[in-house]
Amino acid sequence: MAKQHRNPFKQLEASLKEAPPEMKQKVMNDIAAAKLIMDLASLFSLNVGSALRKLFRTLGDN
């Protein structure tokens, strides 16, 4: 007779529990803070060169 194998993924799924609402809120706040930092870093690192070029171009035209 064939030996039955236990599926470890089904065992993992059975052990999942709902996270407490406070933990969910903390995680969502941390994600929002990380997104804000990434957006600010992008704003100041990627667009500074373009902004300076436009600034000096307008100053040179006058």
PDB file of N, CA and C in Angstrom:
ATOM      1  N   MET A   1       0.824  -1.175   0.000  1.00  0.00           N
ATOM      2  CA  MET A   1       0.000   0.000   0.000  1.00  0.00           C
ATOM      3  C   MET A   1       0.883   1.259   0.000  1.00  0.00           C
ATOM      4  N   ALA A   2       0.454   2.303  -0.670  1.00  0.00           N
ATOM      5  CA  ALA A   2       1.240   3.530  -0.774  1.00  0.00           C
ATOM      6  C   ALA A   2       1.236   4.275   0.552  1.00  0.00           C
ATOM      7  N   LYS A   3       2.401   4.794   0.871  1.00  0.00           N
ATOM      8  CA  LYS A   3       2.537   5.558   2.115  1.00  0.00           C
ATOM      9  C   LYS A   3       1.987   6.972   1.907  1.00  0.00           C
ATOM     10  N   GLN A   4       1.134   7.420   2.815  1.00  0.00           N
ATOM     11  CA  GLN A   4       0.556   8.761   2.705  1.00  0.00           C
ATOM     12  C   GLN A   4       1.536   9.789   3.256  1.00  0.00           C
ATOM     13  N   HIS A   5       1.692  10.854   2.493  1.00  0.00           N
ATOM     14  CA  HIS A   5       2.595  11.935   2.908  1.00  0.00           C
ATOM     15  C   HIS A   5       1.765  13.070   3.494  1.00  0.00           C
ATOM     16  N   ARG A   6       2.309  13.668   4.536  1.00  0.00           N
ATOM     17  CA  ARG A   6       1.644  14.819   5.150  1.00  0.00           C
ATOM     18  C   ARG A   6       2.088  16.080   4.431  1.00  0.00           C
ATOM     19  N   ASN A   7       1.140  16.923   4.140  1.00  0.00           N
ATOM     20  CA  ASN A   7       1.420  18.165   3.442  1.00  0.00           C
ATOM     21  C   ASN A   7       1.781  19.240   4.474  1.00  0.00           C
ATOM     22  N   PRO A   8       3.031  19.713   4.490  1.00  0.00           N
ATOM     23  CA  PRO A   8       3.438  20.723   5.491  1.00  0.00           C
ATOM     24  C   PRO A   8       2.728  22.065   5.296  1.00  0.00           C
ATOM     25  N   PHE A   9       2.314  22.367   4.067  1.00  0.00           N
ATOM     26  CA  PHE A   9       1.633  23.638   3.824  1.00  0.00           C
ATOM     27  C   PHE A   9       0.248  23.657   4.463  1.00  0.00           C
ATOM     28  N   LYS A  10      -0.416  22.531   4.476  1.00  0.00           N
ATOM     29  CA  LYS A  10      -1.720  22.460   5.143  1.00  0.00           C
ATOM     30  C   LYS A  10      -1.552  22.631   6.649  1.00  0.00           C
ATOM     31  N   GLN A  11      -0.451  22.118   7.202  1.00  0.00           N
ATOM     32  CA  GLN A  11      -0.186  22.307   8.628  1.00  0.00           C
ATOM     33  C   GLN A  11       0.073  23.783   8.931  1.00  0.00           C
ATOM     34  N   LEU A  12       0.803  24.466   8.054  1.00  0.00           N
ATOM     35  CA  LEU A  12       1.060  25.896   8.250  1.00  0.00           C
ATOM     36  C   LEU A  12      -0.238  26.688   8.187  1.00  0.00           C
ATOM     37  N   GLU A  13      -1.092  26.360   7.241  1.00  0.00           N
ATOM     38  CA  GLU A  13      -2.355  27.069   7.096  1.00  0.00           C
ATOM     39  C   GLU A  13      -3.245  26.873   8.314  1.00  0.00           C
ATOM     40  N   ALA A  14      -3.217  25.696   8.877  1.00  0.00           N
ATOM     41  CA  ALA A  14      -4.060  25.415  10.035  1.00  0.00           C
ATOM     42  C   ALA A  14      -3.598  26.185  11.273  1.00  0.00           C
ATOM     43  N   SER A  15      -2.313  26.547  11.321  1.00  0.00           N
ATOM     44  CA  SER A  15      -1.792  27.231  12.503  1.00  0.00           C
ATOM     45  C   SER A  15      -1.924  28.755  12.425  1.00  0.00           C
ATOM     46  N   LEU A  16      -2.468  29.288  11.322  1.00  0.00           N
ATOM     47  CA  LEU A  16      -2.619  30.739  11.186  1.00  0.00           C
ATOM     48  C   LEU A  16      -3.700  31.244  12.127  1.00  0.00           C
ATOM     49  N   LYS A  17      -3.413  32.405  12.737  1.00  0.00           N
ATOM     50  CA  LYS A  17      -4.371  33.047  13.631  1.00  0.00           C
ATOM     51  C   LYS A  17      -4.515  34.504  13.225  1.00  0.00           C
ATOM     52  N   GLU A  18      -5.629  35.079  13.563  1.00  0.00           N
ATOM     53  CA  GLU A  18      -5.877  36.493  13.261  1.00  0.00           C
ATOM     54  C   GLU A  18      -5.000  37.371  14.155  1.00  0.00           C
ATOM     55  N   ALA A  19      -4.397  38.385  13.554  1.00  0.00           N
ATOM     56  CA  ALA A  19      -3.568  39.311  14.321  1.00  0.00           C
ATOM     57  C   ALA A  19      -4.460  40.277  15.106  1.00  0.00           C
ATOM     58  N   PRO A  20      -4.009  40.703  16.280  1.00  0.00           N
ATOM     59  CA  PRO A  20      -4.798  41.672  17.051  1.00  0.00           C
ATOM     60  C   PRO A  20      -4.911  43.007  16.307  1.00  0.00           C
ATOM     61  N   PRO A  21      -6.019  43.725  16.494  1.00  0.00           N
ATOM     62  CA  PRO A  21      -6.208  45.004  15.786  1.00  0.00           C
ATOM     63  C   PRO A  21      -5.104  46.021  16.072  1.00  0.00           C
ATOM     64  N   GLU A  22      -4.574  46.031  17.303  1.00  0.00           N
ATOM     65  CA  GLU A  22      -3.492  46.983  17.624  1.00  0.00           C
ATOM     66  C   GLU A  22      -2.253  46.686  16.788  1.00  0.00           C
ATOM     67  N   MET A  23      -1.970  45.404  16.604  1.00  0.00           N
ATOM     68  CA  MET A  23      -0.800  45.002  15.814  1.00  0.00           C
ATOM     69  C   MET A  23      -1.005  45.397  14.352  1.00  0.00           C
ATOM     70  N   LYS A  24      -2.208  45.197  13.834  1.00  0.00           N
ATOM     71  CA  LYS A  24      -2.497  45.575  12.455  1.00  0.00           C
ATOM     72  C   LYS A  24      -2.312  47.078  12.265  1.00  0.00           C
ATOM     73  N   GLN A  25      -2.810  47.867  13.210  1.00  0.00           N
ATOM     74  CA  GLN A  25      -2.696  49.318  13.110  1.00  0.00           C
ATOM     75  C   GLN A  25      -1.241  49.762  13.174  1.00  0.00           C
ATOM     76  N   LYS A  26      -0.456  49.139  14.036  1.00  0.00           N
ATOM     77  CA  LYS A  26       0.960  49.482  14.146  1.00  0.00           C
ATOM     78  C   LYS A  26       1.688  49.180  12.840  1.00  0.00           C
ATOM     79  N   VAL A  27       1.392  48.032  12.253  1.00  0.00           N
ATOM     80  CA  VAL A  27       2.028  47.654  10.989  1.00  0.00           C
ATOM     81  C   VAL A  27       1.632  48.638   9.884  1.00  0.00           C
ATOM     82  N   MET A  28       0.352  49.001   9.827  1.00  0.00           N
ATOM     83  CA  MET A  28      -0.093  49.944   8.804  1.00  0.00           C
ATOM     84  C   MET A  28       0.555  51.320   9.002  1.00  0.00           C
ATOM     85  N   ASN A  29       0.722  51.752  10.239  1.00  0.00           N
ATOM     86  CA  ASN A  29       1.396  53.026  10.516  1.00  0.00           C
ATOM     87  C   ASN A  29       2.864  52.962  10.109  1.00  0.00           C
ATOM     88  N   ASP A  30       3.523  51.840  10.393  1.00  0.00           N
ATOM     89  CA  ASP A  30       4.923  51.679   9.996  1.00  0.00           C
ATOM     90  C   ASP A  30       5.074  51.703   8.475  1.00  0.00           C
ATOM     91  N   ILE A  31       4.143  51.061   7.780  1.00  0.00           N
ATOM     92  CA  ILE A  31       4.196  51.054   6.319  1.00  0.00           C
ATOM     93  C   ILE A  31       3.977  52.460   5.776  1.00  0.00           C
ATOM     94  N   ALA A  32       3.039  53.193   6.352  1.00  0.00           N
ATOM     95  CA  ALA A  32       2.785  54.567   5.912  1.00  0.00           C
ATOM     96  C   ALA A  32       4.014  55.446   6.141  1.00  0.00           C
ATOM     97  N   ALA A  33       4.675  55.276   7.275  1.00  0.00           N
ATOM     98  CA  ALA A  33       5.886  56.057   7.556  1.00  0.00           C
ATOM     99  C   ALA A  33       6.994  55.701   6.567  1.00  0.00           C
ATOM    100  N   ALA A  34       7.146  54.425   6.264  1.00  0.00           N
ATOM    101  CA  ALA A  34       8.174  54.004   5.312  1.00  0.00           C
ATOM    102  C   ALA A  34       7.885  54.566   3.923  1.00  0.00           C
ATOM    103  N   LYS A  35       6.616  54.572   3.504  1.00  0.00           N
ATOM    104  CA  LYS A  35       6.256  55.136   2.203  1.00  0.00           C
ATOM    105  C   LYS A  35       6.550  56.631   2.161  1.00  0.00           C
ATOM    106  N   LEU A  36       6.245  57.328   3.243  1.00  0.00           N
ATOM    107  CA  LEU A  36       6.517  58.761   3.302  1.00  0.00           C
ATOM    108  C   LEU A  36       8.011  59.027   3.173  1.00  0.00           C
ATOM    109  N   ILE A  37       8.811  58.279   3.885  1.00  0.00           N
ATOM    110  CA  ILE A  37      10.269  58.456   3.819  1.00  0.00           C
ATOM    111  C   ILE A  37      10.773  58.162   2.411  1.00  0.00           C
ATOM    112  N   MET A  38      10.248  57.116   1.796  1.00  0.00           N
ATOM    113  CA  MET A  38      10.671  56.788   0.428  1.00  0.00           C
ATOM    114  C   MET A  38      10.276  57.888  -0.552  1.00  0.00           C
ATOM    115  N   ASP A  39       9.073  58.432  -0.390  1.00  0.00           N
ATOM    116  CA  ASP A  39       8.635  59.510  -1.277  1.00  0.00           C
ATOM    117  C   ASP A  39       9.480  60.763  -1.088  1.00  0.00           C
ATOM    118  N   LEU A  40       9.787  61.092   0.158  1.00  0.00           N
ATOM    119  CA  LEU A  40      10.631  62.268   0.416  1.00  0.00           C
ATOM    120  C   LEU A  40      12.039  62.060  -0.126  1.00  0.00           C
ATOM    121  N   ALA A  41      12.571  60.864   0.048  1.00  0.00           N
ATOM    122  CA  ALA A  41      13.912  60.575  -0.474  1.00  0.00           C
ATOM    123  C   ALA A  41      13.918  60.681  -1.989  1.00  0.00           C
ATOM    124  N   SER A  42      12.878  60.175  -2.609  1.00  0.00           N
ATOM    125  CA  SER A  42      12.777  60.261  -4.063  1.00  0.00           C
ATOM    126  C   SER A  42      12.672  61.710  -4.509  1.00  0.00           C
ATOM    127  N   LEU A  43      11.889  62.477  -3.815  1.00  0.00           N
ATOM    128  CA  LEU A  43      11.709  63.886  -4.159  1.00  0.00           C
ATOM    129  C   LEU A  43      13.028  64.635  -4.103  1.00  0.00           C
ATOM    130  N   PHE A  44      13.792  64.414  -3.038  1.00  0.00           N
ATOM    131  CA  PHE A  44      15.017  65.184  -2.857  1.00  0.00           C
ATOM    132  C   PHE A  44      16.218  64.594  -3.590  1.00  0.00           C
ATOM    133  N   SER A  45      16.181  63.330  -3.932  1.00  0.00           N
ATOM    134  CA  SER A  45      17.349  62.766  -4.605  1.00  0.00           C
ATOM    135  C   SER A  45      17.201  62.756  -6.119  1.00  0.00           C
ATOM    136  N   LEU A  46      16.033  62.447  -6.638  1.00  0.00           N
ATOM    137  CA  LEU A  46      15.872  62.335  -8.078  1.00  0.00           C
ATOM    138  C   LEU A  46      15.569  63.669  -8.746  1.00  0.00           C
ATOM    139  N   ASN A  47      14.865  64.525  -8.081  1.00  0.00           N
ATOM    140  CA  ASN A  47      14.399  65.746  -8.721  1.00  0.00           C
ATOM    141  C   ASN A  47      15.283  66.960  -8.457  1.00  0.00           C
ATOM    142  N   VAL A  48      16.269  66.831  -7.596  1.00  0.00           N
ATOM    143  CA  VAL A  48      17.122  67.974  -7.282  1.00  0.00           C
ATOM    144  C   VAL A  48      17.907  68.407  -8.517  1.00  0.00           C
ATOM    145  N   GLY A  49      18.457  67.450  -9.242  1.00  0.00           N
ATOM    146  CA  GLY A  49      19.234  67.792 -10.431  1.00  0.00           C
ATOM    147  C   GLY A  49      18.397  68.509 -11.460  1.00  0.00           C
ATOM    148  N   SER A  50      17.213  68.012 -11.693  1.00  0.00           N
ATOM    149  CA  SER A  50      16.317  68.650 -12.661  1.00  0.00           C
ATOM    150  C   SER A  50      15.924  70.047 -12.197  1.00  0.00           C
ATOM    151  N   ALA A  51      15.621  70.196 -10.933  1.00  0.00           N
ATOM    152  CA  ALA A  51      15.223  71.500 -10.402  1.00  0.00           C
ATOM    153  C   ALA A  51      16.378  72.500 -10.504  1.00  0.00           C
ATOM    154  N   LEU A  52      17.587  72.064 -10.197  1.00  0.00           N
ATOM    155  CA  LEU A  52      18.733  72.976 -10.290  1.00  0.00           C
ATOM    156  C   LEU A  52      19.011  73.375 -11.740  1.00  0.00           C
ATOM    157  N   ARG A  53      18.897  72.427 -12.658  1.00  0.00           N
ATOM    158  CA  ARG A  53      19.096  72.766 -14.073  1.00  0.00           C
ATOM    159  C   ARG A  53      18.071  73.807 -14.529  1.00  0.00           C
ATOM    160  N   LYS A  54      16.824  73.623 -14.134  1.00  0.00           N
ATOM    161  CA  LYS A  54      15.790  74.584 -14.521  1.00  0.00           C
ATOM    162  C   LYS A  54      16.041  75.943 -13.870  1.00  0.00           C
ATOM    163  N   LEU A  55      16.518  75.919 -12.623  1.00  0.00           N
ATOM    164  CA  LEU A  55      16.786  77.167 -11.927  1.00  0.00           C
ATOM    165  C   LEU A  55      17.894  77.945 -12.618  1.00  0.00           C
ATOM    166  N   PHE A  56      19.001  77.263 -12.935  1.00  0.00           N
ATOM    167  CA  PHE A  56      20.118  77.948 -13.561  1.00  0.00           C
ATOM    168  C   PHE A  56      19.803  78.353 -15.006  1.00  0.00           C
ATOM    169  N   ARG A  57      18.966  77.584 -15.668  1.00  0.00           N
ATOM    170  CA  ARG A  57      18.569  77.941 -17.027  1.00  0.00           C
ATOM    171  C   ARG A  57      17.751  79.229 -17.007  1.00  0.00           C
ATOM    172  N   THR A  58      16.845  79.358 -16.029  1.00  0.00           N
ATOM    173  CA  THR A  58      16.020  80.574 -15.946  1.00  0.00           C
ATOM    174  C   THR A  58      16.865  81.761 -15.497  1.00  0.00           C
ATOM    175  N   LEU A  59      17.822  81.538 -14.623  1.00  0.00           N
ATOM    176  CA  LEU A  59      18.675  82.649 -14.192  1.00  0.00           C
ATOM    177  C   LEU A  59      19.565  83.120 -15.333  1.00  0.00           C
ATOM    178  N   GLY A  60      20.014  82.216 -16.182  1.00  0.00           N
ATOM    179  CA  GLY A  60      20.873  82.585 -17.300  1.00  0.00           C
ATOM    180  C   GLY A  60      20.126  83.297 -18.406  1.00  0.00           C
ATOM    181  N   ASP A  61      18.824  83.089 -18.506  1.00  0.00           N
ATOM    182  CA  ASP A  61      18.022  83.720 -19.565  1.00  0.00           C
ATOM    183  C   ASP A  61      17.769  85.191 -19.290  1.00  0.00           C
ATOM    184  N   ASN A  62      17.846  85.611 -18.018  1.00  0.00           N
ATOM    185  CA  ASN A  62      17.525  87.009 -17.681  1.00  0.00           C
ATOM    186  C   ASN A  62      18.634  87.941 -17.968  1.00  0.00           C
TER     187      ASN A  62
END
